[in-house]
């Protein structure tokens, strides 16, 4: 049957064409070696840091961002009732209201000299949703709108 011969011929030609294609050559990449001191001349900026980064031995710099967790309990308040943190720590509240209600929280920075920044109100936080905040040094009282049960955050500078 001529169709079989044409098919075999077609496959043979395709194999020869593929075999004649140039093989890919690995790309040469120039790598510049730099010292740790050069690498650390321009430290990366983080939106989470509100205070200078800690300095360690020599030119080495290590920054730790800590996440602290809290729970919104509705009428029962917050757990923990007092949160102790360092400036730049992330505090994450989860709405665990046993009545499954949405809440809003209000934060008041005690002894704030800037009236525009004294009170901060969150958007609505649905049941099992989270709100996270990063606080500067200071003492903050906070509560949920409707329940009024207070919590406190004590933030110390690094």
N, C-alpha and C. Protein backbone atom coordinates (compact mmCIF):
# COMPACT_ATOMS: atom_id res chain seq x y z
N UNK A 1 0.84 -1.19 0.00
CA UNK A 1 0.00 0.00 0.00
C UNK A 1 0.88 1.25 0.00
N UNK A 2 0.62 2.15 -0.94
CA UNK A 2 1.44 3.36 -1.08
C UNK A 2 1.31 4.31 0.11
N UNK A 3 0.17 4.33 0.79
CA UNK A 3 -0.01 5.26 1.93
C UNK A 3 0.97 4.95 3.06
N UNK A 4 1.27 3.68 3.26
CA UNK A 4 2.20 3.29 4.32
C UNK A 4 3.59 3.81 3.99
N UNK A 5 4.00 3.70 2.71
CA UNK A 5 5.32 4.18 2.32
C UNK A 5 5.42 5.70 2.44
N UNK A 6 4.35 6.40 2.08
CA UNK A 6 4.33 7.86 2.20
C UNK A 6 4.42 8.25 3.68
N UNK A 7 3.72 7.55 4.54
CA UNK A 7 3.75 7.83 5.97
C UNK A 7 5.13 7.60 6.56
N UNK A 8 5.78 6.49 6.16
CA UNK A 8 7.12 6.20 6.66
C UNK A 8 8.11 7.24 6.15
N UNK A 9 7.97 7.63 4.88
CA UNK A 9 8.84 8.65 4.30
C UNK A 9 8.66 9.98 5.04
N UNK A 10 7.41 10.34 5.34
CA UNK A 10 7.13 11.59 6.06
C UNK A 10 7.79 11.59 7.44
N UNK A 11 7.69 10.49 8.17
CA UNK A 11 8.29 10.38 9.50
C UNK A 11 9.81 10.47 9.40
N UNK A 12 10.39 9.80 8.40
CA UNK A 12 11.85 9.83 8.24
C UNK A 12 12.34 11.24 7.96
N UNK A 13 11.63 11.97 7.10
CA UNK A 13 12.02 13.36 6.80
C UNK A 13 11.90 14.22 8.06
N UNK A 14 10.85 14.05 8.83
CA UNK A 14 10.65 14.83 10.05
C UNK A 14 11.77 14.56 11.05
N UNK A 15 12.18 13.31 11.19
CA UNK A 15 13.27 12.96 12.11
C UNK A 15 14.57 13.59 11.64
N UNK A 16 14.84 13.58 10.33
CA UNK A 16 16.07 14.18 9.81
C UNK A 16 16.08 15.70 10.04
N UNK A 17 14.93 16.35 9.86
CA UNK A 17 14.85 17.80 10.07
C UNK A 17 15.10 18.13 11.54
N UNK A 18 14.47 17.40 12.43
CA UNK A 18 14.65 17.64 13.86
C UNK A 18 16.10 17.40 14.27
N UNK A 19 16.72 16.34 13.72
CA UNK A 19 18.11 16.03 14.06
C UNK A 19 19.07 17.10 13.56
N UNK A 20 18.70 17.80 12.49
CA UNK A 20 19.60 18.81 11.94
C UNK A 20 19.46 20.17 12.61
N UNK A 21 18.47 20.35 13.46
CA UNK A 21 18.31 21.63 14.16
C UNK A 21 19.47 21.85 15.12
N UNK A 22 19.89 23.12 15.28
CA UNK A 22 21.01 23.38 16.19
C UNK A 22 20.61 23.09 17.64
N UNK A 23 21.55 22.56 18.37
CA UNK A 23 21.33 22.26 19.78
C UNK A 23 21.42 23.57 20.58
N UNK A 24 20.55 23.75 21.60
CA UNK A 24 20.64 24.97 22.40
C UNK A 24 21.96 25.03 23.16
N UNK A 25 22.53 26.21 23.17
CA UNK A 25 23.79 26.44 23.87
C UNK A 25 23.46 27.11 25.20
N UNK A 26 24.01 26.60 26.29
CA UNK A 26 23.71 27.24 27.58
C UNK A 26 24.18 28.70 27.56
N UNK A 27 23.33 29.57 28.12
CA UNK A 27 23.65 31.00 28.17
C UNK A 27 24.70 31.24 29.26
N UNK A 28 25.67 32.07 28.93
CA UNK A 28 26.70 32.42 29.89
C UNK A 28 26.24 33.64 30.67
N UNK A 29 26.29 33.55 31.98
CA UNK A 29 25.85 34.65 32.83
C UNK A 29 27.04 35.10 33.67
N UNK A 30 27.27 36.40 33.65
CA UNK A 30 28.36 36.95 34.47
C UNK A 30 27.85 37.13 35.89
N UNK A 31 28.58 36.63 36.84
CA UNK A 31 28.19 36.75 38.25
C UNK A 31 29.23 37.61 38.96
N UNK A 32 28.72 38.65 39.60
CA UNK A 32 29.61 39.53 40.36
C UNK A 32 29.52 39.12 41.82
N UNK A 33 30.65 38.87 42.42
CA UNK A 33 30.67 38.54 43.83
C UNK A 33 30.82 39.83 44.63
N UNK A 34 29.97 39.98 45.64
CA UNK A 34 30.06 41.16 46.50
C UNK A 34 30.14 40.71 47.95
N UNK A 35 30.70 41.56 48.76
CA UNK A 35 30.84 41.22 50.18
C UNK A 35 29.54 41.52 50.91
N UNK A 36 29.42 40.98 52.11
CA UNK A 36 28.26 41.24 52.94
C UNK A 36 28.14 42.72 53.25
N UNK A 37 29.26 43.40 53.45
CA UNK A 37 29.24 44.84 53.73
C UNK A 37 28.63 45.61 52.58
N UNK A 38 28.99 45.25 51.32
CA UNK A 38 28.42 45.93 50.15
C UNK A 38 26.92 45.66 50.06
N UNK A 39 26.53 44.43 50.33
CA UNK A 39 25.13 44.05 50.25
C UNK A 39 24.28 44.84 51.24
N UNK A 40 24.83 45.12 52.41
CA UNK A 40 24.06 45.78 53.46
C UNK A 40 24.16 47.30 53.44
N UNK A 41 24.84 47.88 52.45
CA UNK A 41 24.95 49.34 52.39
C UNK A 41 23.58 49.99 52.24
N UNK A 42 22.72 49.40 51.44
CA UNK A 42 21.38 49.94 51.22
C UNK A 42 20.37 48.94 51.76
N UNK A 43 20.00 49.04 53.03
CA UNK A 43 19.06 48.06 53.59
C UNK A 43 17.67 48.22 52.97
N UNK A 44 16.98 47.12 52.84
CA UNK A 44 15.62 47.15 52.30
C UNK A 44 14.71 47.89 53.27
N UNK A 45 13.79 48.66 52.73
CA UNK A 45 12.84 49.39 53.56
C UNK A 45 11.59 48.54 53.73
N UNK A 46 11.05 48.51 54.92
CA UNK A 46 9.85 47.75 55.21
C UNK A 46 8.77 48.69 55.71
N UNK A 47 7.55 48.58 55.15
CA UNK A 47 6.46 49.44 55.64
C UNK A 47 6.05 49.10 57.06
N UNK A 48 6.52 47.95 57.58
CA UNK A 48 6.13 47.54 58.92
C UNK A 48 7.00 48.15 60.00
N UNK A 49 8.12 48.74 59.63
CA UNK A 49 9.03 49.27 60.64
C UNK A 49 8.74 50.74 60.90
N UNK A 50 8.52 51.07 62.15
CA UNK A 50 8.28 52.47 62.51
C UNK A 50 9.41 53.01 63.36
N UNK A 51 10.44 52.20 63.57
CA UNK A 51 11.57 52.64 64.38
C UNK A 51 12.84 52.12 63.72
N UNK A 52 14.00 52.64 64.11
CA UNK A 52 15.25 52.18 63.50
C UNK A 52 15.45 50.68 63.70
N UNK A 53 16.10 50.08 62.70
CA UNK A 53 16.37 48.65 62.79
C UNK A 53 17.43 48.39 63.86
N UNK A 54 17.33 47.26 64.57
CA UNK A 54 18.35 46.96 65.58
C UNK A 54 19.69 46.68 64.93
N UNK A 55 20.76 47.06 65.59
CA UNK A 55 22.12 46.84 65.08
C UNK A 55 22.75 45.71 65.89
N UNK A 56 23.44 44.82 65.19
CA UNK A 56 24.15 43.74 65.85
C UNK A 56 25.63 43.84 65.52
N UNK A 57 26.38 42.82 65.89
CA UNK A 57 27.84 42.83 65.72
C UNK A 57 28.24 43.16 64.29
N UNK A 58 29.23 44.04 64.15
CA UNK A 58 29.75 44.39 62.83
C UNK A 58 28.69 45.07 61.98
N UNK A 59 28.64 44.68 60.73
CA UNK A 59 27.67 45.28 59.80
C UNK A 59 26.42 44.42 59.64
N UNK A 60 26.30 43.35 60.41
CA UNK A 60 25.15 42.48 60.28
C UNK A 60 23.93 43.14 60.89
N UNK A 61 22.79 43.04 60.20
CA UNK A 61 21.56 43.66 60.66
C UNK A 61 20.45 42.61 60.59
N UNK A 62 19.74 42.42 61.67
CA UNK A 62 18.65 41.45 61.69
C UNK A 62 17.40 42.16 62.20
N UNK A 63 16.30 42.00 61.49
CA UNK A 63 15.04 42.58 61.90
C UNK A 63 14.02 41.46 62.02
N UNK A 64 13.34 41.41 63.14
CA UNK A 64 12.30 40.40 63.33
C UNK A 64 10.96 41.10 63.42
N UNK A 65 10.03 40.67 62.61
CA UNK A 65 8.67 41.19 62.68
C UNK A 65 7.84 40.11 63.35
N UNK A 66 7.28 40.44 64.49
CA UNK A 66 6.54 39.47 65.29
C UNK A 66 5.05 39.69 65.08
N UNK A 67 4.33 38.60 64.94
CA UNK A 67 2.87 38.67 64.83
C UNK A 67 2.29 38.20 66.15
N UNK A 68 1.47 39.04 66.74
CA UNK A 68 0.78 38.70 67.99
C UNK A 68 -0.69 38.49 67.66
N UNK A 69 -1.29 37.47 68.26
CA UNK A 69 -2.68 37.13 67.95
C UNK A 69 -3.58 37.46 69.13
N UNK A 70 -4.78 37.93 68.79
CA UNK A 70 -5.78 38.24 69.80
C UNK A 70 -7.14 37.82 69.26
N UNK A 71 -8.08 37.69 70.16
CA UNK A 71 -9.41 37.24 69.78
C UNK A 71 -10.46 38.23 70.26
N UNK A 72 -11.41 38.55 69.39
CA UNK A 72 -12.55 39.39 69.74
C UNK A 72 -13.65 38.43 70.21
N UNK A 73 -14.08 38.58 71.47
CA UNK A 73 -15.04 37.64 72.05
C UNK A 73 -16.44 38.22 72.21
N UNK A 74 -16.70 39.37 71.61
CA UNK A 74 -18.02 39.98 71.73
C UNK A 74 -18.22 40.58 73.11
N UNK A 75 -19.34 40.23 73.76
CA UNK A 75 -19.64 40.76 75.10
C UNK A 75 -18.57 40.39 76.13
N UNK A 76 -17.87 39.30 75.91
CA UNK A 76 -16.84 38.83 76.85
C UNK A 76 -15.53 39.60 76.70
N UNK A 77 -15.44 40.51 75.74
CA UNK A 77 -14.24 41.33 75.61
C UNK A 77 -13.24 40.78 74.63
N UNK A 78 -11.99 40.72 75.07
CA UNK A 78 -10.88 40.32 74.20
C UNK A 78 -9.99 39.32 74.94
N UNK A 79 -9.33 38.50 74.17
CA UNK A 79 -8.35 37.59 74.75
C UNK A 79 -7.07 37.69 73.93
N UNK A 80 -5.98 38.10 74.55
CA UNK A 80 -5.83 38.55 75.93
C UNK A 80 -6.42 39.95 76.11
N UNK A 81 -6.73 40.30 77.35
CA UNK A 81 -7.29 41.62 77.65
C UNK A 81 -6.25 42.72 77.48
N UNK A 82 -4.98 42.40 77.77
CA UNK A 82 -3.87 43.34 77.59
C UNK A 82 -2.85 42.69 76.67
N UNK A 83 -2.51 43.41 75.60
CA UNK A 83 -1.50 42.93 74.65
C UNK A 83 -0.24 43.74 74.86
N UNK A 84 0.88 43.06 75.05
CA UNK A 84 2.18 43.74 75.16
C UNK A 84 2.94 43.46 73.88
N UNK A 85 3.44 44.53 73.24
CA UNK A 85 4.11 44.38 71.96
C UNK A 85 5.28 45.35 71.85
N UNK A 86 6.10 45.13 70.85
CA UNK A 86 7.19 46.04 70.50
C UNK A 86 6.72 46.87 69.30
N UNK A 87 7.23 48.09 69.18
CA UNK A 87 6.90 48.92 68.02
C UNK A 87 7.24 48.15 66.76
N UNK A 88 6.32 48.11 65.82
CA UNK A 88 6.53 47.39 64.57
C UNK A 88 5.94 46.00 64.54
N UNK A 89 5.57 45.44 65.71
CA UNK A 89 4.93 44.13 65.73
C UNK A 89 3.57 44.23 65.04
N UNK A 90 3.16 43.14 64.43
CA UNK A 90 1.83 43.07 63.81
C UNK A 90 0.91 42.40 64.81
N UNK A 91 -0.23 43.03 65.08
CA UNK A 91 -1.22 42.45 65.98
C UNK A 91 -2.43 42.08 65.12
N UNK A 92 -2.85 40.81 65.22
CA UNK A 92 -3.96 40.31 64.41
C UNK A 92 -5.09 39.88 65.33
N UNK A 93 -6.26 40.51 65.16
CA UNK A 93 -7.46 40.13 65.91
C UNK A 93 -8.34 39.29 65.01
N UNK A 94 -8.90 38.21 65.56
CA UNK A 94 -9.87 37.39 64.85
C UNK A 94 -11.21 37.57 65.55
N UNK A 95 -12.27 37.83 64.76
CA UNK A 95 -13.60 38.01 65.33
C UNK A 95 -14.19 36.64 65.65
N UNK A 96 -14.16 36.27 66.93
CA UNK A 96 -14.72 35.01 67.41
C UNK A 96 -15.94 35.26 68.29
N UNK A 97 -16.70 36.30 67.98
CA UNK A 97 -17.91 36.64 68.74
C UNK A 97 -18.84 35.43 68.76
N UNK A 98 -19.21 34.97 69.98
CA UNK A 98 -20.04 33.76 70.08
C UNK A 98 -21.44 33.96 69.50
N UNK A 99 -21.84 35.22 69.32
CA UNK A 99 -23.14 35.51 68.70
C UNK A 99 -22.99 35.69 67.19
N UNK A 100 -21.79 35.50 66.67
CA UNK A 100 -21.48 35.58 65.24
C UNK A 100 -21.80 36.95 64.64
N UNK A 101 -21.65 38.00 65.42
CA UNK A 101 -21.94 39.36 64.94
C UNK A 101 -20.72 39.98 64.28
N UNK A 102 -20.99 40.91 63.37
CA UNK A 102 -19.90 41.73 62.84
C UNK A 102 -19.61 42.82 63.85
N UNK A 103 -18.36 43.27 63.88
CA UNK A 103 -17.97 44.29 64.86
C UNK A 103 -17.11 45.35 64.18
N UNK A 104 -17.02 46.48 64.84
CA UNK A 104 -16.05 47.52 64.51
C UNK A 104 -15.30 47.81 65.79
N UNK A 105 -14.01 48.09 65.67
CA UNK A 105 -13.22 48.42 66.85
C UNK A 105 -12.76 49.86 66.76
N UNK A 106 -12.64 50.49 67.93
CA UNK A 106 -12.12 51.86 68.03
C UNK A 106 -10.86 51.79 68.89
N UNK A 107 -9.79 52.42 68.40
CA UNK A 107 -8.53 52.49 69.14
C UNK A 107 -8.31 53.94 69.56
N UNK A 108 -7.92 54.13 70.81
CA UNK A 108 -7.60 55.47 71.32
C UNK A 108 -6.18 55.46 71.85
N UNK A 109 -5.33 56.31 71.26
CA UNK A 109 -3.96 56.42 71.76
C UNK A 109 -3.99 57.36 72.96
N UNK A 110 -3.63 56.85 74.12
CA UNK A 110 -3.65 57.63 75.36
C UNK A 110 -2.55 58.69 75.29
N UNK A 111 -2.87 59.90 75.73
CA UNK A 111 -1.93 61.03 75.75
C UNK A 111 -1.37 61.38 74.38
N UNK A 112 -2.17 61.21 73.34
CA UNK A 112 -1.70 61.57 72.00
C UNK A 112 -1.69 63.08 71.84
N UNK A 113 -0.60 63.61 71.31
CA UNK A 113 -0.50 65.06 71.10
C UNK A 113 -1.13 65.46 69.77
N UNK A 114 -1.46 64.50 68.92
CA UNK A 114 -2.05 64.78 67.61
C UNK A 114 -3.52 64.37 67.62
N UNK A 115 -4.45 65.34 67.74
CA UNK A 115 -5.87 64.99 67.82
C UNK A 115 -6.37 64.21 66.60
N UNK A 116 -5.75 64.44 65.44
CA UNK A 116 -6.19 63.74 64.23
C UNK A 116 -5.85 62.26 64.28
N UNK A 117 -4.86 61.88 65.08
CA UNK A 117 -4.45 60.47 65.16
C UNK A 117 -4.83 59.84 66.50
N UNK A 118 -5.60 60.53 67.30
CA UNK A 118 -5.92 60.00 68.63
C UNK A 118 -6.86 58.80 68.55
N UNK A 119 -7.87 58.86 67.68
CA UNK A 119 -8.84 57.77 67.53
C UNK A 119 -8.73 57.16 66.14
N UNK A 120 -8.78 55.84 66.09
CA UNK A 120 -8.79 55.11 64.82
C UNK A 120 -9.94 54.12 64.91
N UNK A 121 -10.80 54.09 63.89
CA UNK A 121 -11.91 53.15 63.84
C UNK A 121 -11.68 52.19 62.67
N UNK A 122 -11.88 50.90 62.93
CA UNK A 122 -11.69 49.90 61.87
C UNK A 122 -12.92 49.86 60.97
N UNK A 123 -12.77 49.19 59.85
CA UNK A 123 -13.93 48.85 59.03
C UNK A 123 -14.64 47.70 59.73
N UNK A 124 -15.79 47.32 59.22
CA UNK A 124 -16.54 46.21 59.80
C UNK A 124 -15.75 44.91 59.67
N UNK A 125 -15.70 44.16 60.76
CA UNK A 125 -14.98 42.88 60.79
C UNK A 125 -16.03 41.78 60.93
N UNK A 126 -16.21 40.97 59.90
CA UNK A 126 -17.19 39.89 59.91
C UNK A 126 -16.75 38.78 60.86
N UNK A 127 -17.71 37.93 61.22
CA UNK A 127 -17.42 36.77 62.07
C UNK A 127 -16.35 35.91 61.39
N UNK A 128 -15.34 35.51 62.14
CA UNK A 128 -14.20 34.70 61.71
C UNK A 128 -13.23 35.45 60.78
N UNK A 129 -13.48 36.73 60.52
CA UNK A 129 -12.54 37.54 59.73
C UNK A 129 -11.52 38.17 60.66
N UNK A 130 -10.50 38.78 60.06
CA UNK A 130 -9.42 39.33 60.87
C UNK A 130 -9.18 40.80 60.57
N UNK A 131 -8.62 41.48 61.56
CA UNK A 131 -8.13 42.84 61.41
C UNK A 131 -6.71 42.84 61.94
N UNK A 132 -5.81 43.51 61.22
CA UNK A 132 -4.44 43.59 61.72
C UNK A 132 -4.00 45.03 61.77
N UNK A 133 -3.17 45.33 62.76
CA UNK A 133 -2.65 46.67 62.94
C UNK A 133 -1.21 46.65 63.39
N UNK A 134 -0.52 47.74 63.10
CA UNK A 134 0.86 47.95 63.54
C UNK A 134 0.86 49.26 64.31
N UNK A 135 1.39 49.25 65.51
CA UNK A 135 1.29 50.40 66.39
C UNK A 135 2.65 50.96 66.75
N UNK A 136 2.69 52.28 66.89
CA UNK A 136 3.88 52.98 67.37
C UNK A 136 3.92 52.86 68.89
N UNK A 137 5.03 53.26 69.46
CA UNK A 137 5.18 53.23 70.91
C UNK A 137 4.05 54.02 71.56
N UNK A 138 3.51 53.48 72.64
CA UNK A 138 2.45 54.17 73.38
C UNK A 138 1.49 53.18 74.01
N UNK A 139 0.47 53.73 74.65
CA UNK A 139 -0.58 52.92 75.28
C UNK A 139 -1.87 53.23 74.54
N UNK A 140 -2.58 52.17 74.18
CA UNK A 140 -3.83 52.30 73.43
C UNK A 140 -4.92 51.54 74.17
N UNK A 141 -6.06 52.20 74.37
CA UNK A 141 -7.26 51.50 74.81
C UNK A 141 -8.08 51.24 73.56
N UNK A 142 -8.80 50.14 73.53
CA UNK A 142 -9.65 49.86 72.38
C UNK A 142 -10.89 49.11 72.83
N UNK A 143 -11.94 49.18 72.01
CA UNK A 143 -13.21 48.55 72.34
C UNK A 143 -13.97 48.28 71.06
N UNK A 144 -15.01 47.43 71.18
CA UNK A 144 -15.88 47.18 70.04
C UNK A 144 -17.08 48.11 70.15
N UNK A 145 -17.49 48.65 69.01
CA UNK A 145 -18.68 49.51 68.96
C UNK A 145 -19.88 48.61 69.28
N UNK A 146 -20.72 49.03 70.18
CA UNK A 146 -21.89 48.24 70.55
C UNK A 146 -21.72 47.55 71.89
N UNK A 147 -20.63 46.81 72.06
CA UNK A 147 -20.39 46.12 73.32
C UNK A 147 -19.67 47.03 74.31
N UNK A 148 -18.68 47.76 73.87
CA UNK A 148 -17.97 48.69 74.74
C UNK A 148 -16.95 48.06 75.67
N UNK A 149 -16.79 46.75 75.64
CA UNK A 149 -15.80 46.10 76.50
C UNK A 149 -14.41 46.49 76.04
N UNK A 150 -13.56 46.92 76.99
CA UNK A 150 -12.25 47.47 76.62
C UNK A 150 -11.13 46.44 76.69
N UNK A 151 -10.14 46.69 75.83
CA UNK A 151 -8.87 45.99 75.86
C UNK A 151 -7.78 47.05 75.88
N UNK A 152 -6.56 46.63 76.07
CA UNK A 152 -5.45 47.59 76.12
C UNK A 152 -4.25 47.01 75.37
N UNK A 153 -3.51 47.90 74.70
CA UNK A 153 -2.26 47.54 74.03
C UNK A 153 -1.17 48.41 74.62
N UNK A 154 -0.08 47.79 75.05
CA UNK A 154 1.08 48.52 75.56
C UNK A 154 2.22 48.24 74.59
N UNK A 155 2.65 49.29 73.88
CA UNK A 155 3.69 49.14 72.86
C UNK A 155 4.94 49.86 73.33
N UNK A 156 6.03 49.12 73.42
CA UNK A 156 7.32 49.70 73.81
C UNK A 156 8.20 49.82 72.59
N UNK A 157 9.10 50.82 72.62
CA UNK A 157 10.04 51.00 71.53
C UNK A 157 11.07 49.88 71.59
N UNK A 158 11.60 49.50 70.45
CA UNK A 158 12.60 48.42 70.39
C UNK A 158 13.84 48.76 71.15
